[in-house]
Amino acid sequence: MKLIMAIVQDKDTNRLTDALSEHDYKSTKLATRGGFLREGNTTLMIGVDDGQVDHVLEIIEENCSKRDQMVAPISPMGGNADSYIPKPVKVEVGGANVFVLPVESFFHF
């Protein structure tokens, strides 16, 4: 048995959970926040048998799209913002960060 932990952007969460449900995969949602953009993320915990891991990874990849987003940089070192002129930069966001962990045992009460 494996535990798949997928960290996805909030914008992709509903589409992904719907797709997982269509294939009878159950998940637990945790609200999380990213460190770089400080935007909302969702961490999904999905318990599956070893043979189902590849299928779940395919579903995640199909439903978590990457996209470009313009962001304003944060003032360096929290210093004087008066002399700091932020210039928006384009960054790639979205997709998913996925961890697959072995599970020794699972209980559902």
N, C-alpha and C. Protein backbone atom coordinates (compact mmCIF):
# COMPACT_ATOMS: atom_id res chain seq x y z
N MET A 1 0.85 -1.18 0.00
CA MET A 1 0.00 0.00 0.00
C MET A 1 0.89 1.23 0.00
N LYS A 2 0.39 2.30 -0.65
CA LYS A 2 1.14 3.56 -0.76
C LYS A 2 0.26 4.73 -0.34
N LEU A 3 0.92 5.78 0.14
CA LEU A 3 0.26 7.05 0.42
C LEU A 3 0.80 8.05 -0.58
N ILE A 4 -0.08 8.59 -1.39
CA ILE A 4 0.31 9.61 -2.36
C ILE A 4 -0.09 10.96 -1.77
N MET A 5 0.90 11.82 -1.62
CA MET A 5 0.64 13.18 -1.16
C MET A 5 0.90 14.12 -2.33
N ALA A 6 -0.15 14.79 -2.77
CA ALA A 6 -0.06 15.68 -3.93
C ALA A 6 -0.35 17.10 -3.49
N ILE A 7 0.60 18.00 -3.72
CA ILE A 7 0.42 19.41 -3.40
C ILE A 7 0.09 20.12 -4.70
N VAL A 8 -1.13 20.68 -4.77
CA VAL A 8 -1.61 21.30 -6.01
C VAL A 8 -2.13 22.70 -5.72
N GLN A 9 -2.19 23.52 -6.75
CA GLN A 9 -2.75 24.85 -6.60
C GLN A 9 -4.25 24.75 -6.36
N ASP A 10 -4.78 25.67 -5.56
CA ASP A 10 -6.22 25.67 -5.27
C ASP A 10 -7.06 25.65 -6.54
N LYS A 11 -6.58 26.32 -7.60
CA LYS A 11 -7.33 26.39 -8.86
C LYS A 11 -7.54 25.02 -9.49
N ASP A 12 -6.68 24.07 -9.18
CA ASP A 12 -6.77 22.73 -9.78
C ASP A 12 -7.47 21.72 -8.89
N THR A 13 -7.73 22.09 -7.64
CA THR A 13 -8.21 21.13 -6.65
C THR A 13 -9.54 20.49 -7.02
N ASN A 14 -10.54 21.28 -7.36
CA ASN A 14 -11.87 20.72 -7.65
C ASN A 14 -11.84 19.78 -8.85
N ARG A 15 -11.13 20.18 -9.90
CA ARG A 15 -11.04 19.33 -11.09
C ARG A 15 -10.36 18.01 -10.74
N LEU A 16 -9.30 18.08 -9.93
CA LEU A 16 -8.58 16.86 -9.57
C LEU A 16 -9.41 15.96 -8.66
N THR A 17 -10.04 16.50 -7.65
CA THR A 17 -10.83 15.66 -6.74
C THR A 17 -12.02 15.04 -7.46
N ASP A 18 -12.62 15.78 -8.40
CA ASP A 18 -13.71 15.20 -9.21
C ASP A 18 -13.20 14.02 -10.04
N ALA A 19 -12.03 14.18 -10.66
CA ALA A 19 -11.48 13.11 -11.48
C ALA A 19 -11.11 11.89 -10.63
N LEU A 20 -10.56 12.13 -9.45
CA LEU A 20 -10.24 11.01 -8.56
C LEU A 20 -11.51 10.27 -8.14
N SER A 21 -12.56 11.03 -7.82
CA SER A 21 -13.83 10.43 -7.41
C SER A 21 -14.46 9.60 -8.53
N GLU A 22 -14.33 10.08 -9.77
CA GLU A 22 -14.87 9.33 -10.91
C GLU A 22 -14.25 7.94 -11.02
N HIS A 23 -13.03 7.80 -10.54
CA HIS A 23 -12.33 6.51 -10.59
C HIS A 23 -12.33 5.82 -9.23
N ASP A 24 -13.20 6.27 -8.33
CA ASP A 24 -13.38 5.67 -7.00
C ASP A 24 -12.14 5.75 -6.10
N TYR A 25 -11.32 6.79 -6.28
CA TYR A 25 -10.21 7.03 -5.36
C TYR A 25 -10.66 8.05 -4.33
N LYS A 26 -10.47 7.72 -3.07
CA LYS A 26 -10.84 8.63 -2.00
C LYS A 26 -9.61 9.43 -1.59
N SER A 27 -9.84 10.68 -1.18
CA SER A 27 -8.72 11.53 -0.77
C SER A 27 -9.12 12.37 0.42
N THR A 28 -8.12 12.83 1.12
CA THR A 28 -8.30 13.78 2.23
C THR A 28 -7.64 15.07 1.83
N LYS A 29 -8.37 16.19 1.95
CA LYS A 29 -7.86 17.50 1.56
C LYS A 29 -7.35 18.25 2.79
N LEU A 30 -6.18 18.85 2.64
CA LEU A 30 -5.63 19.73 3.67
C LEU A 30 -5.34 21.08 3.02
N ALA A 31 -5.80 22.15 3.65
CA ALA A 31 -5.50 23.49 3.14
C ALA A 31 -4.07 23.83 3.53
N THR A 32 -3.26 24.21 2.54
CA THR A 32 -1.87 24.57 2.79
C THR A 32 -1.55 25.86 2.06
N ARG A 33 -0.38 26.40 2.32
CA ARG A 33 0.02 27.65 1.69
C ARG A 33 1.45 27.48 1.18
N GLY A 34 1.68 27.94 -0.06
CA GLY A 34 3.00 27.84 -0.65
C GLY A 34 3.97 28.84 -0.06
N GLY A 35 5.23 28.50 -0.04
CA GLY A 35 6.23 29.37 0.54
C GLY A 35 6.72 30.45 -0.40
N PHE A 36 6.76 30.19 -1.71
CA PHE A 36 7.31 31.14 -2.66
C PHE A 36 6.32 32.25 -2.99
N LEU A 37 5.14 31.88 -3.48
CA LEU A 37 4.14 32.89 -3.86
C LEU A 37 3.19 33.22 -2.71
N ARG A 38 3.24 32.43 -1.66
CA ARG A 38 2.37 32.59 -0.49
C ARG A 38 0.89 32.57 -0.88
N GLU A 39 0.57 31.71 -1.83
CA GLU A 39 -0.81 31.54 -2.27
C GLU A 39 -1.34 30.21 -1.76
N GLY A 40 -2.66 30.08 -1.78
CA GLY A 40 -3.28 28.87 -1.29
C GLY A 40 -2.96 27.66 -2.14
N ASN A 41 -2.69 26.58 -1.47
CA ASN A 41 -2.48 25.27 -2.09
C ASN A 41 -3.41 24.29 -1.39
N THR A 42 -3.52 23.13 -1.97
CA THR A 42 -4.23 22.03 -1.34
C THR A 42 -3.31 20.83 -1.36
N THR A 43 -3.19 20.16 -0.23
CA THR A 43 -2.45 18.92 -0.17
C THR A 43 -3.46 17.79 -0.08
N LEU A 44 -3.42 16.89 -1.04
CA LEU A 44 -4.31 15.73 -1.06
C LEU A 44 -3.54 14.50 -0.60
N MET A 45 -4.13 13.76 0.31
CA MET A 45 -3.57 12.49 0.75
C MET A 45 -4.46 11.39 0.18
N ILE A 46 -3.85 10.49 -0.59
CA ILE A 46 -4.60 9.45 -1.29
C ILE A 46 -3.94 8.11 -0.98
N GLY A 47 -4.67 7.23 -0.34
CA GLY A 47 -4.17 5.90 -0.05
C GLY A 47 -4.60 4.93 -1.13
N VAL A 48 -3.63 4.20 -1.72
CA VAL A 48 -3.93 3.27 -2.81
C VAL A 48 -3.09 2.00 -2.68
N ASP A 49 -3.53 0.96 -3.35
CA ASP A 49 -2.72 -0.25 -3.47
C ASP A 49 -1.55 0.03 -4.41
N ASP A 50 -0.50 -0.74 -4.28
CA ASP A 50 0.71 -0.52 -5.09
C ASP A 50 0.41 -0.45 -6.59
N GLY A 51 -0.48 -1.29 -7.07
CA GLY A 51 -0.78 -1.35 -8.50
C GLY A 51 -1.58 -0.17 -9.02
N GLN A 52 -2.10 0.67 -8.14
CA GLN A 52 -2.91 1.81 -8.55
C GLN A 52 -2.12 3.12 -8.63
N VAL A 53 -0.88 3.10 -8.17
CA VAL A 53 -0.09 4.34 -8.10
C VAL A 53 0.04 5.01 -9.47
N ASP A 54 0.42 4.26 -10.50
CA ASP A 54 0.62 4.86 -11.83
C ASP A 54 -0.66 5.49 -12.35
N HIS A 55 -1.80 4.85 -12.13
CA HIS A 55 -3.07 5.40 -12.60
C HIS A 55 -3.38 6.72 -11.89
N VAL A 56 -3.18 6.76 -10.59
CA VAL A 56 -3.44 8.01 -9.83
C VAL A 56 -2.49 9.11 -10.30
N LEU A 57 -1.22 8.77 -10.55
CA LEU A 57 -0.28 9.77 -11.04
C LEU A 57 -0.71 10.33 -12.40
N GLU A 58 -1.25 9.48 -13.26
CA GLU A 58 -1.77 9.94 -14.55
C GLU A 58 -2.92 10.92 -14.36
N ILE A 59 -3.82 10.61 -13.44
CA ILE A 59 -4.96 11.49 -13.17
C ILE A 59 -4.48 12.84 -12.65
N ILE A 60 -3.50 12.82 -11.76
CA ILE A 60 -2.96 14.06 -11.23
C ILE A 60 -2.34 14.89 -12.35
N GLU A 61 -1.52 14.25 -13.17
CA GLU A 61 -0.86 14.96 -14.26
C GLU A 61 -1.86 15.57 -15.25
N GLU A 62 -2.94 14.84 -15.54
CA GLU A 62 -3.95 15.32 -16.50
C GLU A 62 -4.75 16.51 -15.95
N ASN A 63 -4.86 16.62 -14.64
CA ASN A 63 -5.77 17.62 -14.07
C ASN A 63 -5.08 18.77 -13.34
N CYS A 64 -3.77 18.79 -13.32
CA CYS A 64 -3.03 19.87 -12.66
C CYS A 64 -2.15 20.55 -13.69
N SER A 65 -2.67 21.59 -14.31
CA SER A 65 -1.97 22.22 -15.41
C SER A 65 -0.99 23.28 -14.92
N LYS A 66 0.09 23.43 -15.69
CA LYS A 66 1.05 24.50 -15.43
C LYS A 66 0.62 25.71 -16.24
N ARG A 67 0.87 26.89 -15.70
CA ARG A 67 0.53 28.13 -16.39
C ARG A 67 1.47 29.22 -15.94
N ASP A 68 1.58 30.28 -16.73
CA ASP A 68 2.41 31.42 -16.37
C ASP A 68 1.58 32.44 -15.60
N GLN A 69 2.23 33.09 -14.64
CA GLN A 69 1.55 34.10 -13.83
C GLN A 69 2.53 35.23 -13.57
N MET A 70 2.04 36.45 -13.65
CA MET A 70 2.88 37.62 -13.35
C MET A 70 2.80 37.89 -11.84
N VAL A 71 3.96 38.04 -11.21
CA VAL A 71 4.00 38.33 -9.78
C VAL A 71 4.96 39.48 -9.54
N ALA A 72 4.64 40.30 -8.53
CA ALA A 72 5.53 41.38 -8.13
C ALA A 72 6.48 40.85 -7.07
N PRO A 73 7.77 41.07 -7.22
CA PRO A 73 8.72 40.59 -6.22
C PRO A 73 8.49 41.26 -4.87
N ILE A 74 8.88 40.56 -3.83
CA ILE A 74 8.77 41.09 -2.48
C ILE A 74 9.98 41.97 -2.21
N SER A 75 9.79 43.04 -1.45
CA SER A 75 10.88 43.94 -1.11
C SER A 75 12.04 43.16 -0.49
N PRO A 76 13.28 43.39 -0.97
CA PRO A 76 14.40 42.60 -0.47
C PRO A 76 14.67 42.84 1.01
N MET A 77 14.76 41.74 1.74
CA MET A 77 15.12 41.77 3.16
C MET A 77 14.19 42.62 4.01
N GLY A 78 13.00 42.91 3.52
CA GLY A 78 12.05 43.71 4.29
C GLY A 78 12.54 45.11 4.53
N GLY A 79 13.47 45.57 3.71
CA GLY A 79 14.09 46.88 3.89
C GLY A 79 13.18 48.02 3.45
N ASN A 80 13.78 49.14 3.23
CA ASN A 80 13.06 50.35 2.85
C ASN A 80 12.43 50.16 1.47
N ALA A 81 11.14 50.14 1.42
CA ALA A 81 10.43 49.90 0.17
C ALA A 81 10.35 51.16 -0.69
N ASP A 82 10.68 52.34 -0.12
CA ASP A 82 10.60 53.58 -0.89
C ASP A 82 11.53 53.57 -2.10
N SER A 83 12.72 53.01 -1.95
CA SER A 83 13.68 53.01 -3.05
C SER A 83 13.59 51.74 -3.89
N TYR A 84 12.73 50.82 -3.50
CA TYR A 84 12.60 49.55 -4.21
C TYR A 84 11.43 49.63 -5.17
N ILE A 85 11.70 49.48 -6.46
CA ILE A 85 10.64 49.54 -7.46
C ILE A 85 10.42 48.13 -7.98
N PRO A 86 9.32 47.51 -7.54
CA PRO A 86 9.10 46.13 -7.98
C PRO A 86 8.72 46.07 -9.45
N LYS A 87 9.33 45.16 -10.15
CA LYS A 87 9.00 44.93 -11.55
C LYS A 87 8.41 43.53 -11.63
N PRO A 88 7.17 43.41 -12.06
CA PRO A 88 6.55 42.08 -12.13
C PRO A 88 7.38 41.16 -13.02
N VAL A 89 7.44 39.91 -12.60
CA VAL A 89 8.13 38.88 -13.37
C VAL A 89 7.18 37.73 -13.65
N LYS A 90 7.43 37.04 -14.75
CA LYS A 90 6.59 35.90 -15.11
C LYS A 90 7.19 34.64 -14.48
N VAL A 91 6.34 33.89 -13.76
CA VAL A 91 6.78 32.62 -13.18
C VAL A 91 5.80 31.53 -13.59
N GLU A 92 6.30 30.31 -13.63
CA GLU A 92 5.45 29.16 -13.95
C GLU A 92 4.84 28.65 -12.65
N VAL A 93 3.52 28.53 -12.62
CA VAL A 93 2.82 28.02 -11.44
C VAL A 93 1.96 26.84 -11.86
N GLY A 94 1.43 26.16 -10.88
CA GLY A 94 0.55 25.03 -11.16
C GLY A 94 1.31 23.73 -11.20
N GLY A 95 0.71 22.76 -11.83
CA GLY A 95 1.29 21.43 -11.81
C GLY A 95 1.05 20.81 -10.44
N ALA A 96 1.89 19.88 -10.08
CA ALA A 96 1.74 19.22 -8.79
C ALA A 96 3.10 18.75 -8.29
N ASN A 97 3.28 18.82 -7.01
CA ASN A 97 4.42 18.18 -6.35
C ASN A 97 3.86 16.95 -5.66
N VAL A 98 4.40 15.79 -6.01
CA VAL A 98 3.81 14.54 -5.55
C VAL A 98 4.87 13.69 -4.84
N PHE A 99 4.48 13.17 -3.69
CA PHE A 99 5.31 12.25 -2.92
C PHE A 99 4.57 10.93 -2.83
N VAL A 100 5.26 9.83 -3.06
CA VAL A 100 4.68 8.50 -2.91
C VAL A 100 5.44 7.82 -1.78
N LEU A 101 4.70 7.49 -0.72
CA LEU A 101 5.31 6.95 0.49
C LEU A 101 4.78 5.54 0.78
N PRO A 102 5.63 4.67 1.28
CA PRO A 102 5.15 3.34 1.66
C PRO A 102 4.31 3.42 2.93
N VAL A 103 3.28 2.58 2.99
CA VAL A 103 2.40 2.54 4.16
C VAL A 103 2.51 1.13 4.77
N GLU A 104 2.87 1.09 6.02
CA GLU A 104 3.02 -0.19 6.69
C GLU A 104 1.67 -0.80 7.00
N SER A 105 0.71 0.02 7.46
CA SER A 105 -0.63 -0.49 7.73
C SER A 105 -1.62 0.67 7.64
N PHE A 106 -2.88 0.32 7.43
CA PHE A 106 -3.96 1.29 7.28
C PHE A 106 -5.17 0.79 8.03
N PHE A 107 -5.82 1.68 8.76
CA PHE A 107 -7.02 1.32 9.52
C PHE A 107 -8.11 2.34 9.24
N HIS A 108 -9.32 1.88 9.09
CA HIS A 108 -10.47 2.77 8.89
C HIS A 108 -11.53 2.37 9.93
N PHE A 109 -11.77 3.25 10.90
CA PHE A 109 -12.72 2.94 11.98
C PHE A 109 -14.01 3.69 11.80
